[in-house]
Amino acid sequence: MDEGLRPYERIKKKKDFLFLYQKGKRIKGKYFNLIYHENNLNYSRLGIVVNRKIGKAVVRNKIKRWVREIFRRHKNLIPRPMDILVVATQGIEGISWIEYREEYFRALNKIGHREK
């Protein structure tokens, strides 16, 4: 199993972000919103949005590292190739890694149930 996060597995283009905002399905979580849409690629891609209202750069970067890490390690749990956008909400800056992990798995579980 490949646990790397390749450059092509990241969403970087503005048009891809806009497409997800417009056409993507949403899962509202306690600490983040997850927007996803099936893609026509053989792999899933990840985009991250952390607003400046969340905290200073150190806090925002820590959140982005957490999001990339959990996506990288558990991309095999995603039911089929998708574009996933994680939008952090206020309150995420004060949680622990374990709380974040549980919330992420809850969101992935909801994706799995919705897609069946």
N, C-alpha and C. Protein backbone atom coordinates (compact mmCIF):
# COMPACT_ATOMS: atom_id res chain seq x y z
N MET A 1 0.84 -1.17 0.00
CA MET A 1 0.00 0.00 0.00
C MET A 1 0.89 1.25 0.00
N ASP A 2 0.58 2.17 -0.89
CA ASP A 2 1.34 3.40 -1.03
C ASP A 2 0.80 4.45 -0.05
N GLU A 3 1.66 4.90 0.87
CA GLU A 3 1.23 5.90 1.84
C GLU A 3 1.77 7.28 1.53
N GLY A 4 2.34 7.46 0.36
CA GLY A 4 2.86 8.78 0.01
C GLY A 4 1.76 9.71 -0.46
N LEU A 5 2.03 10.99 -0.42
CA LEU A 5 1.11 11.98 -0.96
C LEU A 5 1.80 12.63 -2.14
N ARG A 6 1.47 12.17 -3.31
CA ARG A 6 2.10 12.63 -4.53
C ARG A 6 1.57 14.02 -4.92
N PRO A 7 2.35 14.80 -5.64
CA PRO A 7 1.88 16.13 -6.05
C PRO A 7 0.58 16.09 -6.85
N TYR A 8 0.39 15.05 -7.67
CA TYR A 8 -0.84 14.98 -8.46
C TYR A 8 -2.05 14.62 -7.61
N GLU A 9 -1.86 14.25 -6.36
CA GLU A 9 -2.98 13.93 -5.47
C GLU A 9 -3.46 15.15 -4.68
N ARG A 10 -2.98 16.31 -5.04
CA ARG A 10 -3.40 17.54 -4.38
C ARG A 10 -4.22 18.38 -5.35
N ILE A 11 -5.23 19.02 -4.84
CA ILE A 11 -6.02 19.95 -5.65
C ILE A 11 -5.39 21.32 -5.48
N LYS A 12 -4.97 21.91 -6.60
CA LYS A 12 -4.25 23.18 -6.54
C LYS A 12 -4.93 24.27 -7.36
N LYS A 13 -5.67 23.88 -8.38
CA LYS A 13 -6.21 24.87 -9.31
C LYS A 13 -7.53 25.46 -8.79
N LYS A 14 -7.67 26.75 -9.02
CA LYS A 14 -8.86 27.46 -8.57
C LYS A 14 -10.12 26.87 -9.18
N LYS A 15 -10.05 26.46 -10.46
CA LYS A 15 -11.25 25.91 -11.12
C LYS A 15 -11.69 24.60 -10.46
N ASP A 16 -10.75 23.82 -9.95
CA ASP A 16 -11.11 22.59 -9.25
C ASP A 16 -11.78 22.88 -7.92
N PHE A 17 -11.28 23.89 -7.19
CA PHE A 17 -11.91 24.30 -5.95
C PHE A 17 -13.32 24.81 -6.21
N LEU A 18 -13.47 25.66 -7.23
CA LEU A 18 -14.79 26.22 -7.55
C LEU A 18 -15.77 25.12 -7.96
N PHE A 19 -15.29 24.15 -8.73
CA PHE A 19 -16.14 23.04 -9.14
C PHE A 19 -16.65 22.27 -7.92
N LEU A 20 -15.76 22.00 -6.97
CA LEU A 20 -16.17 21.29 -5.76
C LEU A 20 -17.17 22.10 -4.95
N TYR A 21 -16.95 23.40 -4.83
CA TYR A 21 -17.89 24.24 -4.09
C TYR A 21 -19.27 24.23 -4.74
N GLN A 22 -19.30 24.20 -6.07
CA GLN A 22 -20.58 24.27 -6.79
C GLN A 22 -21.27 22.92 -6.91
N LYS A 23 -20.55 21.88 -7.24
CA LYS A 23 -21.16 20.59 -7.56
C LYS A 23 -20.97 19.52 -6.49
N GLY A 24 -20.09 19.76 -5.54
CA GLY A 24 -19.75 18.74 -4.56
C GLY A 24 -20.85 18.50 -3.53
N LYS A 25 -20.86 17.29 -3.00
CA LYS A 25 -21.76 16.94 -1.90
C LYS A 25 -21.05 17.30 -0.60
N ARG A 26 -21.83 17.68 0.41
CA ARG A 26 -21.24 18.20 1.65
C ARG A 26 -21.58 17.33 2.84
N ILE A 27 -20.61 17.22 3.71
CA ILE A 27 -20.80 16.58 5.01
C ILE A 27 -20.34 17.59 6.05
N LYS A 28 -21.28 18.00 6.88
CA LYS A 28 -20.94 18.96 7.92
C LYS A 28 -20.46 18.20 9.15
N GLY A 29 -19.28 18.54 9.59
CA GLY A 29 -18.71 17.92 10.78
C GLY A 29 -18.63 18.92 11.91
N LYS A 30 -18.18 18.46 13.02
CA LYS A 30 -18.05 19.31 14.20
C LYS A 30 -16.91 20.32 14.03
N TYR A 31 -15.82 19.90 13.41
CA TYR A 31 -14.64 20.73 13.30
C TYR A 31 -14.27 21.11 11.87
N PHE A 32 -14.89 20.48 10.90
CA PHE A 32 -14.62 20.80 9.50
C PHE A 32 -15.80 20.36 8.64
N ASN A 33 -15.89 20.95 7.46
CA ASN A 33 -16.86 20.52 6.47
C ASN A 33 -16.08 19.78 5.39
N LEU A 34 -16.64 18.70 4.91
CA LEU A 34 -16.00 17.90 3.89
C LEU A 34 -16.86 17.99 2.64
N ILE A 35 -16.27 18.44 1.55
CA ILE A 35 -16.96 18.54 0.27
C ILE A 35 -16.29 17.53 -0.66
N TYR A 36 -17.10 16.71 -1.31
CA TYR A 36 -16.50 15.68 -2.15
C TYR A 36 -17.30 15.52 -3.44
N HIS A 37 -16.61 15.03 -4.45
CA HIS A 37 -17.23 14.74 -5.74
C HIS A 37 -16.39 13.67 -6.42
N GLU A 38 -17.04 12.73 -7.01
CA GLU A 38 -16.33 11.66 -7.71
C GLU A 38 -15.56 12.24 -8.89
N ASN A 39 -14.32 11.76 -9.10
CA ASN A 39 -13.54 12.22 -10.24
C ASN A 39 -13.34 11.08 -11.24
N ASN A 40 -12.84 11.41 -12.40
CA ASN A 40 -12.63 10.41 -13.46
C ASN A 40 -11.18 9.93 -13.51
N LEU A 41 -10.47 10.09 -12.42
CA LEU A 41 -9.08 9.68 -12.35
C LEU A 41 -8.98 8.34 -11.65
N ASN A 42 -7.81 7.78 -11.58
CA ASN A 42 -7.61 6.50 -10.89
C ASN A 42 -7.16 6.69 -9.45
N TYR A 43 -7.21 7.90 -8.95
CA TYR A 43 -6.76 8.20 -7.60
C TYR A 43 -7.59 9.34 -7.02
N SER A 44 -7.59 9.45 -5.71
CA SER A 44 -8.29 10.54 -5.04
C SER A 44 -7.36 11.73 -4.88
N ARG A 45 -7.97 12.92 -4.80
CA ARG A 45 -7.19 14.14 -4.61
C ARG A 45 -7.71 14.90 -3.40
N LEU A 46 -6.86 15.71 -2.81
CA LEU A 46 -7.19 16.42 -1.59
C LEU A 46 -6.94 17.91 -1.75
N GLY A 47 -7.88 18.70 -1.25
CA GLY A 47 -7.73 20.15 -1.15
C GLY A 47 -8.02 20.55 0.29
N ILE A 48 -7.36 21.61 0.75
CA ILE A 48 -7.51 22.04 2.14
C ILE A 48 -7.75 23.54 2.15
N VAL A 49 -8.73 23.96 2.97
CA VAL A 49 -9.00 25.38 3.17
C VAL A 49 -9.02 25.65 4.67
N VAL A 50 -8.12 26.53 5.12
CA VAL A 50 -8.09 26.93 6.53
C VAL A 50 -8.07 28.46 6.53
N ASN A 51 -9.16 29.06 6.97
CA ASN A 51 -9.33 30.50 6.98
C ASN A 51 -8.45 31.16 8.01
N ARG A 52 -8.12 32.41 7.80
CA ARG A 52 -7.29 33.17 8.75
C ARG A 52 -7.98 33.38 10.09
N LYS A 53 -9.29 33.27 10.12
CA LYS A 53 -10.03 33.43 11.37
C LYS A 53 -9.75 32.28 12.34
N ILE A 54 -9.24 31.18 11.84
CA ILE A 54 -8.97 30.00 12.67
C ILE A 54 -7.83 30.28 13.65
N GLY A 55 -6.82 30.99 13.21
CA GLY A 55 -5.69 31.26 14.10
C GLY A 55 -4.51 31.80 13.32
N LYS A 56 -3.41 31.90 13.99
CA LYS A 56 -2.19 32.39 13.35
C LYS A 56 -1.61 31.30 12.45
N ALA A 57 -0.58 31.65 11.69
CA ALA A 57 -0.02 30.75 10.68
C ALA A 57 0.43 29.42 11.26
N VAL A 58 0.99 29.43 12.45
CA VAL A 58 1.46 28.19 13.07
C VAL A 58 0.30 27.22 13.27
N VAL A 59 -0.82 27.74 13.75
CA VAL A 59 -2.00 26.90 14.00
C VAL A 59 -2.59 26.41 12.68
N ARG A 60 -2.71 27.30 11.70
CA ARG A 60 -3.27 26.91 10.40
C ARG A 60 -2.41 25.84 9.73
N ASN A 61 -1.10 26.00 9.81
CA ASN A 61 -0.20 25.02 9.19
C ASN A 61 -0.28 23.67 9.89
N LYS A 62 -0.45 23.67 11.21
CA LYS A 62 -0.59 22.40 11.95
C LYS A 62 -1.85 21.67 11.48
N ILE A 63 -2.93 22.41 11.31
CA ILE A 63 -4.18 21.80 10.84
C ILE A 63 -4.00 21.21 9.46
N LYS A 64 -3.33 21.95 8.57
CA LYS A 64 -3.10 21.44 7.22
C LYS A 64 -2.23 20.19 7.23
N ARG A 65 -1.23 20.14 8.11
CA ARG A 65 -0.39 18.94 8.23
C ARG A 65 -1.23 17.75 8.69
N TRP A 66 -2.12 17.98 9.65
CA TRP A 66 -2.99 16.90 10.14
C TRP A 66 -3.87 16.37 9.02
N VAL A 67 -4.45 17.28 8.25
CA VAL A 67 -5.35 16.87 7.16
C VAL A 67 -4.58 16.05 6.13
N ARG A 68 -3.41 16.53 5.72
CA ARG A 68 -2.61 15.78 4.74
C ARG A 68 -2.18 14.42 5.28
N GLU A 69 -1.80 14.38 6.54
CA GLU A 69 -1.32 13.14 7.15
C GLU A 69 -2.41 12.07 7.18
N ILE A 70 -3.60 12.44 7.61
CA ILE A 70 -4.65 11.44 7.71
C ILE A 70 -5.13 11.00 6.33
N PHE A 71 -5.17 11.93 5.37
CA PHE A 71 -5.52 11.56 4.00
C PHE A 71 -4.48 10.60 3.44
N ARG A 72 -3.21 10.92 3.63
CA ARG A 72 -2.11 10.12 3.11
C ARG A 72 -2.13 8.70 3.66
N ARG A 73 -2.36 8.58 4.96
CA ARG A 73 -2.31 7.26 5.59
C ARG A 73 -3.54 6.41 5.35
N HIS A 74 -4.68 7.03 5.09
CA HIS A 74 -5.93 6.28 5.00
C HIS A 74 -6.67 6.51 3.69
N LYS A 75 -5.96 6.79 2.61
CA LYS A 75 -6.64 7.01 1.33
C LYS A 75 -7.27 5.72 0.79
N ASN A 76 -6.85 4.59 1.31
CA ASN A 76 -7.47 3.32 0.89
C ASN A 76 -8.89 3.16 1.43
N LEU A 77 -9.28 3.97 2.43
CA LEU A 77 -10.64 3.89 2.98
C LEU A 77 -11.66 4.67 2.15
N ILE A 78 -11.19 5.48 1.23
CA ILE A 78 -12.10 6.24 0.37
C ILE A 78 -12.71 5.26 -0.63
N PRO A 79 -14.06 5.21 -0.70
CA PRO A 79 -14.73 4.16 -1.47
C PRO A 79 -14.34 4.09 -2.95
N ARG A 80 -14.18 5.22 -3.61
CA ARG A 80 -13.78 5.26 -5.01
C ARG A 80 -13.02 6.56 -5.25
N PRO A 81 -12.33 6.69 -6.37
CA PRO A 81 -11.56 7.93 -6.59
C PRO A 81 -12.44 9.17 -6.52
N MET A 82 -12.07 10.11 -5.66
CA MET A 82 -12.84 11.33 -5.46
C MET A 82 -11.91 12.50 -5.25
N ASP A 83 -12.47 13.68 -5.48
CA ASP A 83 -11.84 14.92 -5.06
C ASP A 83 -12.46 15.26 -3.72
N ILE A 84 -11.63 15.51 -2.73
CA ILE A 84 -12.09 15.82 -1.38
C ILE A 84 -11.52 17.17 -0.96
N LEU A 85 -12.41 18.02 -0.48
CA LEU A 85 -12.02 19.32 0.02
C LEU A 85 -12.37 19.39 1.49
N VAL A 86 -11.38 19.65 2.33
CA VAL A 86 -11.59 19.77 3.78
C VAL A 86 -11.54 21.26 4.12
N VAL A 87 -12.66 21.79 4.62
CA VAL A 87 -12.76 23.19 4.99
C VAL A 87 -12.83 23.26 6.51
N ALA A 88 -11.78 23.74 7.13
CA ALA A 88 -11.72 23.81 8.60
C ALA A 88 -12.69 24.87 9.11
N THR A 89 -13.33 24.58 10.24
CA THR A 89 -14.23 25.55 10.87
C THR A 89 -13.67 25.92 12.24
N GLN A 90 -14.19 27.01 12.79
CA GLN A 90 -13.69 27.45 14.08
C GLN A 90 -13.97 26.40 15.13
N GLY A 91 -13.02 26.22 16.00
CA GLY A 91 -13.10 25.18 17.02
C GLY A 91 -12.09 24.08 16.77
N ILE A 92 -11.62 23.97 15.53
CA ILE A 92 -10.66 22.91 15.20
C ILE A 92 -9.30 23.19 15.83
N GLU A 93 -9.01 24.46 16.10
CA GLU A 93 -7.68 24.80 16.62
C GLU A 93 -7.45 24.28 18.04
N GLY A 94 -8.53 23.95 18.76
CA GLY A 94 -8.35 23.52 20.14
C GLY A 94 -8.50 22.03 20.37
N ILE A 95 -8.61 21.24 19.31
CA ILE A 95 -8.85 19.81 19.49
C ILE A 95 -7.54 19.01 19.45
N SER A 96 -7.63 17.77 19.86
CA SER A 96 -6.47 16.89 19.82
C SER A 96 -6.48 16.09 18.51
N TRP A 97 -5.35 15.46 18.25
CA TRP A 97 -5.21 14.62 17.06
C TRP A 97 -6.26 13.50 17.06
N ILE A 98 -6.50 12.90 18.22
CA ILE A 98 -7.44 11.79 18.32
C ILE A 98 -8.86 12.24 17.99
N GLU A 99 -9.26 13.41 18.48
CA GLU A 99 -10.59 13.94 18.17
C GLU A 99 -10.72 14.21 16.67
N TYR A 100 -9.66 14.78 16.08
CA TYR A 100 -9.68 15.04 14.65
C TYR A 100 -9.81 13.73 13.86
N ARG A 101 -9.03 12.74 14.26
CA ARG A 101 -9.08 11.44 13.57
C ARG A 101 -10.46 10.83 13.61
N GLU A 102 -11.10 10.84 14.77
CA GLU A 102 -12.44 10.28 14.91
C GLU A 102 -13.44 11.01 14.02
N GLU A 103 -13.34 12.32 13.98
CA GLU A 103 -14.26 13.12 13.15
C GLU A 103 -14.03 12.82 11.66
N TYR A 104 -12.77 12.66 11.25
CA TYR A 104 -12.46 12.35 9.85
C TYR A 104 -13.02 10.99 9.46
N PHE A 105 -12.84 9.99 10.32
CA PHE A 105 -13.37 8.66 10.02
C PHE A 105 -14.89 8.66 9.98
N ARG A 106 -15.52 9.46 10.84
CA ARG A 106 -16.98 9.60 10.81
C ARG A 106 -17.43 10.15 9.46
N ALA A 107 -16.71 11.16 8.97
CA ALA A 107 -17.05 11.76 7.67
C ALA A 107 -16.84 10.76 6.54
N LEU A 108 -15.74 10.01 6.57
CA LEU A 108 -15.52 9.00 5.52
C LEU A 108 -16.58 7.91 5.55
N ASN A 109 -16.99 7.55 6.75
CA ASN A 109 -18.06 6.57 6.88
C ASN A 109 -19.36 7.07 6.25
N LYS A 110 -19.66 8.35 6.44
CA LYS A 110 -20.86 8.93 5.83
C LYS A 110 -20.76 8.92 4.31
N ILE A 111 -19.57 9.19 3.78
CA ILE A 111 -19.39 9.12 2.32
C ILE A 111 -19.72 7.71 1.84
N GLY A 112 -19.18 6.71 2.53
CA GLY A 112 -19.41 5.33 2.15
C GLY A 112 -20.89 4.97 2.16
N HIS A 113 -21.62 5.43 3.16
CA HIS A 113 -23.05 5.12 3.25
C HIS A 113 -23.85 5.86 2.18
N ARG A 114 -23.46 7.08 1.85
CA ARG A 114 -24.19 7.85 0.84
C ARG A 114 -23.98 7.30 -0.56
N GLU A 115 -22.82 6.71 -0.79
CA GLU A 115 -22.48 6.25 -2.13
C GLU A 115 -23.06 4.88 -2.45
N LYS A 116 -23.62 4.19 -1.46
CA LYS A 116 -24.16 2.84 -1.71
C LYS A 116 -25.55 2.91 -2.26
